[in-house]
Amino acid sequence: MPFLTLTPDSKSAAMGDAGVASAPDANAMYWNTSKLAFVDNKYGASFSYAPWLRDIVQDMGLMSANGYYKVSDKQTIGASVTYFDQGDIQFTNIFGDYLEEFHSKEFSLALGIAQKLNSDFSMGLNLKFINSNLVGNTVVNGQAGKPGRTGAIDLGFYYNKTRPTDKNTDKPKKLDVDYGLVLQNLGGKVNYGFGEYFIPANIKFGTKISHKPDDLNTFTFLIDLNKLLVPTPKPNTPISEKSIFSTMFSSWGDAPGGFQEELEEVMGSVGAEYSYADLIALRTGYFYESGNKGARQYFTTGFGITLKDIYKLDMAYLIPTKAGNPLANTWRISLNIGIPTKNLKSKEIRGDEEE
């Protein structure tokens, strides 16, 4: 289920796939649910779409929808759905003879809650249901396939050392530092009818540094580190029978190459954003994965536009460092909506006046 690790939203995708400690919005349901405890708006939602591997096929796409409701100043609830359409797949036997065709698809549903523990620290929890229908009932090695289904949780923490305004002044802080830590996709193995497989459990740590020299200009820098919490694959070795909770610890020292190989399993993201008057934002970033562990290495860029202080339209584009990369020409588009409490009240007042 690698679709669980694909960045759904354009804002983070434009900044090198970094977002664990980025500014809270509806996309926190994917990145770090604990951030929702610090959202400014009463309601929020986001919708994202990205065609996938478009230089190879034309019928794959990643879609995501997220929403939240701020119950109180300390608590926020959220929900999300992610759908990955892998298009039509033709199955053949070992001789290349056509067997059948199947439309492969995967999705996950999540419900989350974020709670402030104090004025600067929060935690969040997601409960997930994941469905992966890759082969339908296709017979493989004499065994009929089936959809893989499992459950999982995300557990996140968010720390913001300084909120935007000081208690003793109305002037905004010039420097804001945030930290985030999240454990994602901690759950059962998935079975497609041919044996059990680990889902991509992982741990992410991120930080954000935001500098606001004046009321109009803001510079933001992000750094994320990410590591899978699953056994390191070994040639001619069967899949580990350990549970995901035991492999969370053993995955830090099971690489055949020792500590050096463990370091190679850590993926890094760096991103930067410049925004003017909270109306337009320019973004760029870089994602790095070791050449021995997947070799995904690419630059990213994008922009965002805010309309009427409620709607935010974001776009992102991926630029591989090497020619022939199947991720070339990957783009994403997202719409983010945030409705503050004051807007709801003003609508209610206008409605009473009209009546």
Protein backbone atom coordinates (compact mmCIF):
# COMPACT_ATOMS: atom_id res chain seq x y z
CA MET A 1 0.00 0.00 0.00
CA PRO A 2 2.59 2.62 -0.99
CA PHE A 3 -0.22 5.05 -1.83
CA LEU A 4 -0.39 5.74 1.92
CA THR A 5 2.99 7.49 1.66
CA LEU A 6 2.23 9.69 -1.36
CA THR A 7 1.88 13.41 -0.62
CA PRO A 8 -1.72 14.32 -1.49
CA ASP A 9 -1.72 18.12 -1.17
CA SER A 10 -0.02 20.67 -3.41
CA LYS A 11 1.34 22.96 -0.69
CA SER A 12 3.55 20.31 0.91
CA ALA A 13 4.34 18.72 -2.45
CA ALA A 14 5.75 22.06 -3.65
CA MET A 15 8.09 22.14 -0.63
CA GLY A 16 9.86 18.83 -1.13
CA ASP A 17 7.10 16.74 0.50
CA ALA A 18 7.66 18.38 3.89
CA GLY A 19 4.68 19.02 6.14
CA VAL A 20 4.93 17.43 9.60
CA ALA A 21 5.32 20.84 11.29
CA SER A 22 3.89 23.14 8.60
CA ALA A 23 1.11 25.63 9.34
CA PRO A 24 -2.09 23.86 10.45
CA ASP A 25 -4.86 23.35 7.88
CA ALA A 26 -7.20 20.56 6.77
CA ASN A 27 -4.29 18.60 5.25
CA ALA A 28 -3.02 17.97 8.77
CA MET A 29 -5.21 14.84 8.66
CA TYR A 30 -2.48 13.35 6.46
CA TRP A 31 0.64 15.03 7.84
CA ASN A 32 0.07 15.32 11.58
CA THR A 33 -3.44 15.42 13.03
CA SER A 34 -2.22 17.04 16.26
CA LYS A 35 -1.76 20.32 14.32
CA LEU A 36 -5.55 20.63 14.00
CA ALA A 37 -5.71 21.69 17.65
CA PHE A 38 -4.12 24.99 16.59
CA VAL A 39 -6.20 25.82 13.50
CA ASP A 40 -7.59 29.35 13.49
CA ASN A 41 -10.83 28.60 11.64
CA LYS A 42 -14.00 26.98 12.95
CA TYR A 43 -14.43 24.79 9.86
CA GLY A 44 -12.04 23.75 7.14
CA ALA A 45 -11.72 21.43 4.17
CA SER A 46 -9.28 20.57 1.39
CA PHE A 47 -9.57 18.78 -1.95
CA SER A 48 -6.57 17.59 -3.96
CA TYR A 49 -5.92 15.77 -7.22
CA ALA A 50 -2.78 14.51 -8.93
CA PRO A 51 -2.48 12.40 -12.09
CA TRP A 52 0.15 9.73 -11.36
CA LEU A 53 2.99 8.45 -13.56
CA ARG A 54 1.47 10.43 -16.40
CA ASP A 55 4.52 9.92 -18.64
CA ILE A 56 3.84 6.16 -18.56
CA VAL A 57 0.06 5.72 -18.27
CA GLN A 58 -2.94 8.01 -18.56
CA ASP A 59 -5.45 6.40 -16.20
CA MET A 60 -3.84 6.66 -12.75
CA GLY A 61 -4.68 9.35 -10.24
CA LEU A 62 -4.48 10.25 -6.55
CA MET A 63 -7.44 12.07 -4.96
CA SER A 64 -7.85 13.30 -1.41
CA ALA A 65 -10.49 15.12 0.64
CA ASN A 66 -10.07 16.31 4.23
CA GLY A 67 -12.23 18.24 6.67
CA TYR A 68 -12.28 19.40 10.27
CA TYR A 69 -14.51 21.02 12.87
CA LYS A 70 -13.10 22.96 15.83
CA VAL A 71 -15.13 21.80 18.81
CA SER A 72 -13.47 24.17 21.26
CA ASP A 73 -10.28 26.15 21.69
CA LYS A 74 -8.56 22.95 22.83
CA GLN A 75 -10.13 20.25 20.68
CA THR A 76 -10.69 19.64 16.95
CA ILE A 77 -12.09 16.63 15.12
CA GLY A 78 -11.36 15.70 11.51
CA ALA A 79 -12.03 13.20 8.74
CA SER A 80 -10.34 12.28 5.48
CA VAL A 81 -10.59 10.00 2.47
CA THR A 82 -7.78 9.16 0.05
CA TYR A 83 -8.49 7.33 -3.22
CA PHE A 84 -5.81 5.95 -5.52
CA ASP A 85 -6.99 4.85 -8.96
CA GLN A 86 -4.41 2.58 -10.62
CA GLY A 87 -6.41 2.17 -13.82
CA ASP A 88 -6.86 -0.95 -15.93
CA ILE A 89 -4.27 -3.70 -15.50
CA GLN A 90 -3.88 -6.61 -17.91
CA PHE A 91 -2.92 -9.94 -16.34
CA THR A 92 -0.93 -12.55 -18.25
CA ASN A 93 0.48 -15.98 -17.44
CA ILE A 94 4.18 -16.89 -17.38
CA PHE A 95 4.09 -17.29 -21.18
CA GLY A 96 2.67 -13.80 -21.72
CA ASP A 97 -0.79 -15.04 -22.70
CA TYR A 98 -3.67 -12.72 -21.87
CA LEU A 99 -5.76 -13.83 -18.89
CA GLU A 100 -8.03 -10.97 -17.92
CA GLU A 101 -8.23 -7.27 -17.20
CA PHE A 102 -8.97 -5.63 -13.86
CA HIS A 103 -9.44 -2.04 -12.69
CA SER A 104 -7.17 -1.68 -9.66
CA LYS A 105 -7.98 0.79 -6.89
CA GLU A 106 -7.18 1.57 -3.26
CA PHE A 107 -8.62 3.88 -0.63
CA SER A 108 -8.31 4.81 3.04
CA LEU A 109 -10.84 6.39 5.40
CA ALA A 110 -9.73 8.16 8.57
CA LEU A 111 -11.33 9.82 11.58
CA GLY A 112 -9.13 11.95 13.82
CA ILE A 113 -9.08 14.03 16.97
CA ALA A 114 -6.57 16.66 18.10
CA GLN A 115 -6.26 17.87 21.68
CA LYS A 116 -4.23 20.70 23.20
CA LEU A 117 -2.30 19.55 26.25
CA ASN A 118 -1.22 23.12 27.07
CA SER A 119 -0.88 26.44 25.26
CA ASP A 120 2.02 25.20 23.08
CA PHE A 121 1.71 21.41 22.86
CA SER A 122 -0.89 19.09 21.33
CA MET A 123 -1.37 15.46 20.32
CA GLY A 124 -3.57 13.83 17.73
CA LEU A 125 -4.89 10.39 16.86
CA ASN A 126 -6.26 8.94 13.62
CA LEU A 127 -8.19 5.70 13.19
CA LYS A 128 -7.95 4.32 9.65
CA PHE A 129 -9.68 1.73 7.51
CA ILE A 130 -7.64 0.77 4.43
CA ASN A 131 -8.86 -1.17 1.40
CA SER A 132 -6.58 -2.27 -1.46
CA ASN A 133 -8.13 -4.12 -4.40
CA LEU A 134 -5.19 -4.81 -6.71
CA VAL A 135 -6.01 -8.11 -8.42
CA GLY A 136 -9.68 -8.82 -7.75
CA ASN A 137 -10.26 -12.59 -7.96
CA THR A 138 -7.38 -13.24 -10.36
CA VAL A 139 -5.75 -16.64 -9.75
CA VAL A 140 -2.01 -16.38 -9.02
CA ASN A 141 0.02 -19.58 -8.54
CA GLY A 142 -3.19 -21.53 -8.04
CA GLN A 143 -4.58 -19.15 -5.42
CA ALA A 144 -7.46 -16.76 -5.99
CA GLY A 145 -6.75 -13.14 -5.07
CA LYS A 146 -8.90 -10.97 -2.85
CA PRO A 147 -8.99 -7.34 -1.70
CA GLY A 148 -6.55 -6.56 1.09
CA ARG A 149 -8.14 -4.83 4.07
CA THR A 150 -6.71 -3.70 7.38
CA GLY A 151 -6.91 -1.04 10.07
CA ALA A 152 -4.24 1.35 11.31
CA ILE A 153 -3.63 4.36 13.54
CA ASP A 154 -1.61 7.56 13.30
CA LEU A 155 -0.25 9.17 16.46
CA GLY A 156 1.12 12.70 16.24
CA PHE A 157 2.57 15.45 18.44
CA TYR A 158 2.97 19.15 17.70
CA TYR A 159 4.91 21.79 19.61
CA ASN A 160 4.85 25.50 18.86
CA LYS A 161 7.20 27.41 21.09
CA THR A 162 5.76 30.84 20.27
CA ARG A 163 2.28 31.53 19.03
CA PRO A 164 1.86 34.36 16.45
CA THR A 165 1.22 37.11 18.99
CA ASP A 166 2.86 37.94 22.29
CA LYS A 167 0.66 38.12 25.36
CA ASN A 168 1.81 41.67 26.10
CA THR A 169 1.53 43.18 22.62
CA ASP A 170 -0.56 43.06 19.46
CA LYS A 171 2.53 42.97 17.24
CA PRO A 172 3.26 39.62 15.57
CA LYS A 173 6.31 37.63 16.55
CA LYS A 174 9.11 37.94 14.01
CA LEU A 175 10.30 34.36 14.51
CA ASP A 176 8.10 31.32 14.99
CA VAL A 177 9.49 27.79 15.49
CA ASP A 178 7.35 24.65 15.32
CA TYR A 179 8.17 20.96 15.80
CA GLY A 180 6.23 17.87 14.82
CA LEU A 181 6.55 14.12 15.36
CA VAL A 182 4.21 11.51 13.93
CA LEU A 183 3.93 7.73 13.78
CA GLN A 184 1.86 6.72 10.75
CA ASN A 185 0.13 3.58 9.49
CA LEU A 186 0.65 1.49 12.60
CA GLY A 187 -1.62 -1.47 11.95
CA GLY A 188 -2.15 -5.04 10.88
CA LYS A 189 -0.61 -6.73 7.88
CA VAL A 190 -2.55 -6.99 4.64
CA ASN A 191 -3.40 -10.25 2.85
CA TYR A 192 -4.25 -10.40 -0.87
CA GLY A 193 -4.77 -14.17 -0.76
CA PHE A 194 -1.10 -15.00 -1.36
CA GLY A 195 0.34 -14.27 2.08
CA GLU A 196 0.67 -11.36 4.51
CA TYR A 197 2.54 -8.14 3.86
CA PHE A 198 3.48 -5.15 6.00
CA ILE A 199 1.83 -1.82 5.31
CA PRO A 200 4.18 1.22 5.21
CA ALA A 201 4.38 2.16 8.88
CA ASN A 202 6.76 5.07 9.32
CA ILE A 203 8.00 7.74 11.69
CA LYS A 204 8.44 11.39 10.68
CA PHE A 205 10.06 14.29 12.44
CA GLY A 206 9.78 17.83 11.15
CA THR A 207 10.48 21.42 12.04
CA LYS A 208 9.35 24.75 10.67
CA ILE A 209 11.05 28.12 11.05
CA SER A 210 9.00 31.13 10.03
CA HIS A 211 10.43 34.65 9.86
CA LYS A 212 8.12 37.65 9.55
CA PRO A 213 10.19 40.85 9.17
CA ASP A 214 7.06 42.99 8.77
CA ASP A 215 3.29 42.74 8.43
CA LEU A 216 3.39 41.85 4.73
CA ASN A 217 6.29 39.47 4.15
CA THR A 218 6.82 35.97 5.57
CA PHE A 219 9.68 33.53 4.93
CA THR A 220 9.19 29.89 5.94
CA PHE A 221 11.67 26.99 5.99
CA LEU A 222 10.78 23.32 6.54
CA ILE A 223 12.83 20.19 7.24
CA ASP A 224 11.36 16.66 7.47
CA LEU A 225 13.05 13.32 8.16
CA ASN A 226 11.18 10.09 7.48
CA LYS A 227 11.95 6.40 8.08
CA LEU A 228 9.89 3.27 7.42
CA LEU A 229 9.24 1.09 10.48
CA VAL A 230 9.14 -2.23 8.61
CA PRO A 231 11.76 -4.99 8.23
CA THR A 232 14.56 -4.32 5.77
CA PRO A 233 14.00 -6.67 2.78
CA LYS A 234 16.58 -9.45 2.53
CA PRO A 235 17.14 -11.60 -0.59
CA ASN A 236 15.69 -15.14 -0.41
CA THR A 237 14.23 -14.44 3.02
CA PRO A 238 10.51 -14.95 3.76
CA ILE A 239 8.42 -12.10 5.08
CA SER A 240 8.91 -11.56 8.80
CA GLU A 241 6.29 -13.08 11.09
CA LYS A 242 6.78 -10.31 13.64
CA SER A 243 3.98 -7.89 14.45
CA ILE A 244 4.19 -4.26 13.38
CA PHE A 245 4.69 -3.18 16.98
CA SER A 246 7.75 -5.39 17.44
CA THR A 247 9.19 -4.35 14.06
CA MET A 248 8.84 -0.70 15.09
CA PHE A 249 11.89 -1.32 17.26
CA SER A 250 13.71 -4.05 15.33
CA SER A 251 13.56 -2.02 12.09
CA TRP A 252 16.19 0.33 13.54
CA GLY A 253 18.85 -2.39 13.51
CA ASP A 254 17.93 -5.17 11.08
CA ALA A 255 19.65 -3.86 7.92
CA PRO A 256 22.33 -6.29 6.63
CA GLY A 257 24.69 -3.35 6.07
CA GLY A 258 24.49 -2.27 9.69
CA PHE A 259 24.22 1.31 10.89
CA GLN A 260 25.29 2.80 7.55
CA GLU A 261 22.43 1.07 5.75
CA GLU A 262 19.99 2.16 8.47
CA LEU A 263 20.99 5.77 7.76
CA GLU A 264 20.36 5.18 4.06
CA GLU A 265 16.77 4.30 4.94
CA VAL A 266 16.12 7.83 6.23
CA MET A 267 14.48 10.07 3.62
CA GLY A 268 14.90 13.85 3.80
CA SER A 269 12.78 16.79 2.66
CA VAL A 270 13.61 20.49 2.70
CA GLY A 271 11.27 23.26 1.63
CA ALA A 272 10.95 27.02 1.53
CA GLU A 273 8.07 29.44 1.06
CA TYR A 274 7.76 33.17 0.56
CA SER A 275 4.33 34.72 1.05
CA TYR A 276 3.19 38.29 0.57
CA ALA A 277 0.31 39.72 2.59
CA ASP A 278 -1.11 36.19 2.96
CA LEU A 279 -2.35 36.57 -0.63
CA ILE A 280 0.27 34.86 -2.78
CA ALA A 281 2.96 32.32 -1.95
CA LEU A 282 5.95 31.02 -3.90
CA ARG A 283 7.40 27.64 -2.91
CA THR A 284 10.27 25.30 -3.68
CA GLY A 285 11.89 22.23 -2.16
CA TYR A 286 13.96 19.09 -2.54
CA PHE A 287 13.33 15.43 -1.67
CA TYR A 288 16.15 12.93 -1.18
CA GLU A 289 16.10 9.15 -0.95
CA SER A 290 19.26 7.02 -1.03
CA GLY A 291 20.18 5.49 -4.37
CA ASN A 292 20.22 2.10 -2.62
CA LYS A 293 16.71 2.53 -1.19
CA GLY A 294 14.61 3.69 -4.11
CA ALA A 295 16.65 6.59 -5.51
CA ARG A 296 13.78 9.09 -5.56
CA GLN A 297 15.50 12.45 -5.81
CA TYR A 298 13.74 15.50 -7.16
CA PHE A 299 13.19 19.23 -6.87
CA THR A 300 9.73 20.69 -6.42
CA THR A 301 8.15 24.06 -7.03
CA GLY A 302 4.74 25.66 -6.86
CA PHE A 303 2.60 28.57 -5.79
CA GLY A 304 -0.51 29.44 -3.81
CA ILE A 305 -3.20 32.12 -4.12
CA THR A 306 -5.65 33.20 -1.42
CA LEU A 307 -9.10 34.42 -2.45
CA LYS A 308 -11.43 36.38 -0.13
CA ASP A 309 -9.46 35.19 2.94
CA ILE A 310 -11.30 31.85 2.74
CA TYR A 311 -10.21 29.97 -0.40
CA LYS A 312 -6.64 28.94 -1.12
CA LEU A 313 -5.65 27.47 -4.46
CA ASP A 314 -2.29 25.66 -4.56
CA MET A 315 -0.35 24.01 -7.36
CA ALA A 316 2.86 21.95 -7.34
CA TYR A 317 5.22 20.53 -9.94
CA LEU A 318 7.93 17.86 -9.57
CA ILE A 319 11.30 18.06 -11.35
CA PRO A 320 13.43 14.84 -11.17
CA THR A 321 17.20 15.20 -10.93
CA LYS A 322 17.74 12.48 -13.56
CA ALA A 323 16.22 12.01 -17.00
CA GLY A 324 13.84 9.10 -17.52
CA ASN A 325 12.39 9.24 -14.01
CA PRO A 326 8.78 7.92 -14.10
CA LEU A 327 7.74 10.74 -11.74
CA ALA A 328 8.60 13.39 -14.33
CA ASN A 329 5.87 15.91 -15.10
CA THR A 330 3.96 15.09 -11.92
CA TRP A 331 1.71 17.97 -10.89
CA ARG A 332 -0.89 18.46 -8.18
CA ILE A 333 -3.69 20.91 -7.57
CA SER A 334 -5.45 21.61 -4.27
CA LEU A 335 -8.26 23.77 -2.95
CA ASN A 336 -8.16 24.65 0.75
CA ILE A 337 -11.16 26.22 2.49
CA GLY A 338 -11.17 27.79 5.95
CA ILE A 339 -14.25 29.42 7.51
CA PRO A 340 -13.58 31.42 10.69
CA THR A 341 -16.18 31.83 13.42
CA LYS A 342 -16.60 35.56 12.72
CA ASN A 343 -17.66 34.81 9.13
CA LEU A 344 -20.35 32.43 10.36
CA LYS A 345 -21.67 34.99 12.84
CA SER A 346 -21.76 37.74 10.22
CA LYS A 347 -23.77 35.48 7.91
CA GLU A 348 -26.25 34.76 10.70
CA ILE A 349 -26.66 38.50 11.41
CA ARG A 350 -27.27 39.26 7.73
CA GLY A 351 -29.79 36.46 7.58
CA ASP A 352 -31.72 37.88 10.56
CA GLU A 353 -31.74 41.34 9.01
CA GLU A 354 -33.11 39.98 5.73
CA GLU A 355 -35.89 38.15 7.54
